[in-house]
Each structure stands twice: as C-alpha cells, then as structure tokens.
Amino acid sequence: MKRLPKKFDKPWGYELLYAHTEAYVGKILHLQAGHRLSLQYHRLKDETIYLLKGLLELEMEDGGEMVRREITPGNCCHIPPGTKHRMRALKECRILEVSTPHLTDVVRLEDDYGREDK
C-alpha cells in the first residue's frame, strides 16, 4: 500500500499526490505566481483540472492551434491524451488534477527549467 499524501517538490512549486489507484490519480498542484509548467502532451494520460484558487492561464491545442484562456476559481478543463498544453500562474494557483494513473507519461516540448522528456 502506498503512503499518501506524498509531496513532490517541483521548480514551479509542488505536487501533492493524495490518491493513486490502478484506475485514477488525484493531485493538488501548487503553482507559484509567474511560473509555468512545461509545454507538454501525454500519450495515454487523460486529465481534468479544476482551479481551486488563483488565476491560471491555460494554453491548449484546439484544432491544431494553440489557444490561451484564463481560468478562474471554480472552473475546470478536460485535457485529452495527445493534446499539447501548458499552465501558467497569473496569480498563485492551487489546482486539483484528476487523471488516469500514467504518472510518467510526459512528453516535454519546451521547459523553462531544462527538464527532459520522461
């Protein structure tokens, strides 16, 4: 049995993994103001995010074009596998993420912190 919750420090803040089963994963992402995650996509991982706190800029592929939109608390977005996306905190953010359990399925296209694909 996995000991949860488990905190993972990241260059942009941290992730708090609170659920991890064969069927789903639950995380809380703490994204510091002005920081952003890598431009990425997932081969298998299917995720939905819900903004608990802050102001988030979500850049996401839509019909082959990258579209930016602001997400405010109480709003959510589904990110299907294969969809390029990036999140940036316009204000400090707390994001609830629920996904399939493919934790290492990250293809990074650009990264502010020099990290490579996993």
C-alpha atoms as a PDB file:
ATOM      1  CA  MET A   1       0.000   0.000   0.000  1.00  0.00           C
ATOM      2  CA  LYS A   2       1.299   3.444  -0.945  1.00  0.00           C
ATOM      3  CA  ARG A   3       1.689   6.010   1.829  1.00  0.00           C
ATOM      4  CA  LEU A   4      -0.313   9.084   0.923  1.00  0.00           C
ATOM      5  CA  PRO A   5      -0.402  12.005   0.717  1.00  0.00           C
ATOM      6  CA  LYS A   6       3.040  12.414  -0.812  1.00  0.00           C
ATOM      7  CA  LYS A   7       4.633  15.757  -1.707  1.00  0.00           C
ATOM      8  CA  PHE A   8       6.877  16.220  -4.756  1.00  0.00           C
ATOM      9  CA  ASP A   9       8.818  19.481  -4.985  1.00  0.00           C
ATOM     10  CA  LYS A  10       8.946  20.985  -8.476  1.00  0.00           C
ATOM     11  CA  PRO A  11      10.797  24.052  -9.809  1.00  0.00           C
ATOM     12  CA  TRP A  12       7.435  25.818 -10.209  1.00  0.00           C
ATOM     13  CA  GLY A  13       6.025  24.804  -6.798  1.00  0.00           C
ATOM     14  CA  TYR A  14       4.930  21.323  -5.738  1.00  0.00           C
ATOM     15  CA  GLU A  15       2.509  18.450  -6.328  1.00  0.00           C
ATOM     16  CA  LEU A  16       0.628  16.727  -3.544  1.00  0.00           C
ATOM     17  CA  LEU A  17      -0.386  13.210  -4.578  1.00  0.00           C
ATOM     18  CA  TYR A  18      -3.398  12.255  -2.468  1.00  0.00           C
ATOM     19  CA  ALA A  19      -4.858   9.305  -4.410  1.00  0.00           C
ATOM     20  CA  HIS A  20      -3.149   6.645  -6.542  1.00  0.00           C
ATOM     21  CA  THR A  21      -5.026   3.547  -7.683  1.00  0.00           C
ATOM     22  CA  GLU A  22      -4.917   1.322 -10.759  1.00  0.00           C
ATOM     23  CA  ALA A  23      -7.801   3.368 -12.194  1.00  0.00           C
ATOM     24  CA  TYR A  24      -7.085   7.008 -11.261  1.00  0.00           C
ATOM     25  CA  VAL A  25      -4.740   9.526  -9.631  1.00  0.00           C
ATOM     26  CA  GLY A  26      -5.635  12.636  -7.635  1.00  0.00           C
ATOM     27  CA  LYS A  27      -3.187  15.529  -7.158  1.00  0.00           C
ATOM     28  CA  ILE A  28      -3.162  19.077  -5.905  1.00  0.00           C
ATOM     29  CA  LEU A  29      -0.728  21.299  -7.837  1.00  0.00           C
ATOM     30  CA  HIS A  30       0.622  24.394  -6.120  1.00  0.00           C
ATOM     31  CA  LEU A  31       1.883  26.721  -8.877  1.00  0.00           C
ATOM     32  CA  GLN A  32       3.760  29.849  -7.804  1.00  0.00           C
ATOM     33  CA  ALA A  33       2.780  33.170  -9.403  1.00  0.00           C
ATOM     34  CA  GLY A  34       4.694  33.861 -12.611  1.00  0.00           C
ATOM     35  CA  HIS A  35       5.784  30.238 -13.046  1.00  0.00           C
ATOM     36  CA  ARG A  36       4.601  27.802 -15.673  1.00  0.00           C
ATOM     37  CA  LEU A  37       4.692  24.103 -16.382  1.00  0.00           C
ATOM     38  CA  SER A  38       6.363  22.743 -19.491  1.00  0.00           C
ATOM     39  CA  LEU A  39       4.638  22.765 -22.855  1.00  0.00           C
ATOM     40  CA  GLN A  40       3.740  19.092 -22.989  1.00  0.00           C
ATOM     41  CA  TYR A  41       1.377  16.366 -24.038  1.00  0.00           C
ATOM     42  CA  HIS A  42       0.618  12.860 -22.820  1.00  0.00           C
ATOM     43  CA  ARG A  43       0.401   9.735 -24.956  1.00  0.00           C
ATOM     44  CA  LEU A  44      -2.053   7.936 -22.634  1.00  0.00           C
ATOM     45  CA  LYS A  45      -2.766  10.158 -19.639  1.00  0.00           C
ATOM     46  CA  ASP A  46      -6.258  11.670 -19.631  1.00  0.00           C
ATOM     47  CA  GLU A  47      -6.666  14.502 -17.136  1.00  0.00           C
ATOM     48  CA  THR A  48      -9.120  17.066 -15.868  1.00  0.00           C
ATOM     49  CA  ILE A  49      -8.092  20.123 -13.879  1.00  0.00           C
ATOM     50  CA  TYR A  50     -10.192  22.258 -11.532  1.00  0.00           C
ATOM     51  CA  LEU A  51      -8.898  25.605 -10.271  1.00  0.00           C
ATOM     52  CA  LEU A  52      -9.368  25.900  -6.515  1.00  0.00           C
ATOM     53  CA  LYS A  53      -7.500  29.199  -6.030  1.00  0.00           C
ATOM     54  CA  GLY A  54      -5.678  31.844  -8.090  1.00  0.00           C
ATOM     55  CA  LEU A  55      -5.743  32.876 -11.725  1.00  0.00           C
ATOM     56  CA  LEU A  56      -4.478  30.428 -14.333  1.00  0.00           C
ATOM     57  CA  GLU A  57      -3.559  30.895 -17.971  1.00  0.00           C
ATOM     58  CA  LEU A  58      -4.140  27.646 -19.834  1.00  0.00           C
ATOM     59  CA  GLU A  59      -2.523  27.327 -23.246  1.00  0.00           C
ATOM     60  CA  MET A  60      -4.047  24.342 -25.027  1.00  0.00           C
ATOM     61  CA  GLU A  61      -4.164  22.917 -28.519  1.00  0.00           C
ATOM     62  CA  ASP A  62      -7.551  23.297 -30.190  1.00  0.00           C
ATOM     63  CA  GLY A  63      -7.968  22.189 -33.788  1.00  0.00           C
ATOM     64  CA  GLY A  64      -4.201  22.267 -34.365  1.00  0.00           C
ATOM     65  CA  GLU A  65      -3.799  25.807 -32.994  1.00  0.00           C
ATOM     66  CA  MET A  66      -2.594  26.851 -29.548  1.00  0.00           C
ATOM     67  CA  VAL A  67      -5.273  28.864 -27.748  1.00  0.00           C
ATOM     68  CA  ARG A  68      -4.800  30.744 -24.452  1.00  0.00           C
ATOM     69  CA  ARG A  69      -7.557  31.338 -21.956  1.00  0.00           C
ATOM     70  CA  GLU A  70      -7.795  32.451 -18.372  1.00  0.00           C
ATOM     71  CA  ILE A  71      -9.243  30.032 -15.852  1.00  0.00           C
ATOM     72  CA  THR A  72     -10.781  31.421 -12.663  1.00  0.00           C
ATOM     73  CA  PRO A  73     -11.575  29.541  -9.437  1.00  0.00           C
ATOM     74  CA  GLY A  74     -14.463  27.123  -9.763  1.00  0.00           C
ATOM     75  CA  ASN A  75     -13.796  26.327 -13.421  1.00  0.00           C
ATOM     76  CA  CYS A  76     -12.420  23.147 -14.940  1.00  0.00           C
ATOM     77  CA  CYS A  77     -10.948  21.834 -18.180  1.00  0.00           C
ATOM     78  CA  HIS A  78     -10.538  18.363 -19.669  1.00  0.00           C
ATOM     79  CA  ILE A  79      -7.179  17.639 -21.356  1.00  0.00           C
ATOM     80  CA  PRO A  80      -7.426  14.505 -23.522  1.00  0.00           C
ATOM     81  CA  PRO A  81      -4.365  12.409 -24.432  1.00  0.00           C
ATOM     82  CA  GLY A  82      -2.296  13.872 -27.280  1.00  0.00           C
ATOM     83  CA  THR A  83      -3.333  17.476 -26.544  1.00  0.00           C
ATOM     84  CA  LYS A  84      -0.461  19.952 -26.219  1.00  0.00           C
ATOM     85  CA  HIS A  85      -0.918  22.154 -23.162  1.00  0.00           C
ATOM     86  CA  ARG A  86       0.803  24.420 -20.645  1.00  0.00           C
ATOM     87  CA  MET A  87      -0.367  26.112 -17.442  1.00  0.00           C
ATOM     88  CA  ARG A  88       0.952  29.424 -16.115  1.00  0.00           C
ATOM     89  CA  ALA A  89       0.031  31.040 -12.814  1.00  0.00           C
ATOM     90  CA  LEU A  90      -1.001  34.669 -13.287  1.00  0.00           C
ATOM     91  CA  LYS A  91      -1.608  34.611  -9.512  1.00  0.00           C
ATOM     92  CA  GLU A  92      -0.537  31.851  -7.133  1.00  0.00           C
ATOM     93  CA  CYS A  93      -2.655  28.800  -8.015  1.00  0.00           C
ATOM     94  CA  ARG A  94      -3.953  25.696  -6.338  1.00  0.00           C
ATOM     95  CA  ILE A  95      -5.136  23.211  -8.970  1.00  0.00           C
ATOM     96  CA  LEU A  96      -6.981  19.951  -8.413  1.00  0.00           C
ATOM     97  CA  GLU A  97      -5.985  17.372 -11.037  1.00  0.00           C
ATOM     98  CA  VAL A  98      -7.683  14.020 -11.572  1.00  0.00           C
ATOM     99  CA  SER A  99      -6.219  11.696 -14.191  1.00  0.00           C
ATOM    100  CA  THR A 100      -5.540   8.198 -15.339  1.00  0.00           C
ATOM    101  CA  PRO A 101      -2.589   6.674 -13.430  1.00  0.00           C
ATOM    102  CA  HIS A 102       0.082   7.289 -16.099  1.00  0.00           C
ATOM    103  CA  LEU A 103       2.354   9.403 -13.861  1.00  0.00           C
ATOM    104  CA  THR A 104       5.483   9.259 -16.051  1.00  0.00           C
ATOM    105  CA  ASP A 105       3.668   9.826 -19.372  1.00  0.00           C
ATOM    106  CA  VAL A 106       5.028  13.325 -20.101  1.00  0.00           C
ATOM    107  CA  VAL A 107       6.412  14.456 -23.457  1.00  0.00           C
ATOM    108  CA  ARG A 108       8.005  17.870 -22.874  1.00  0.00           C
ATOM    109  CA  LEU A 109       8.251  20.132 -25.922  1.00  0.00           C
ATOM    110  CA  GLU A 110       9.556  23.223 -24.082  1.00  0.00           C
ATOM    111  CA  ASP A 111      10.615  23.668 -20.463  1.00  0.00           C
ATOM    112  CA  ASP A 112      11.748  26.754 -18.534  1.00  0.00           C
ATOM    113  CA  TYR A 113      13.721  24.599 -16.100  1.00  0.00           C
ATOM    114  CA  GLY A 114      15.798  22.454 -18.508  1.00  0.00           C
ATOM    115  CA  ARG A 115      13.947  19.189 -17.791  1.00  0.00           C
ATOM    116  CA  GLU A 116      13.816  16.479 -20.466  1.00  0.00           C
ATOM    117  CA  ASP A 117      11.096  14.067 -21.627  1.00  0.00           C
ATOM    118  CA  LYS A 118      10.178  11.205 -19.333  1.00  0.00           C
END
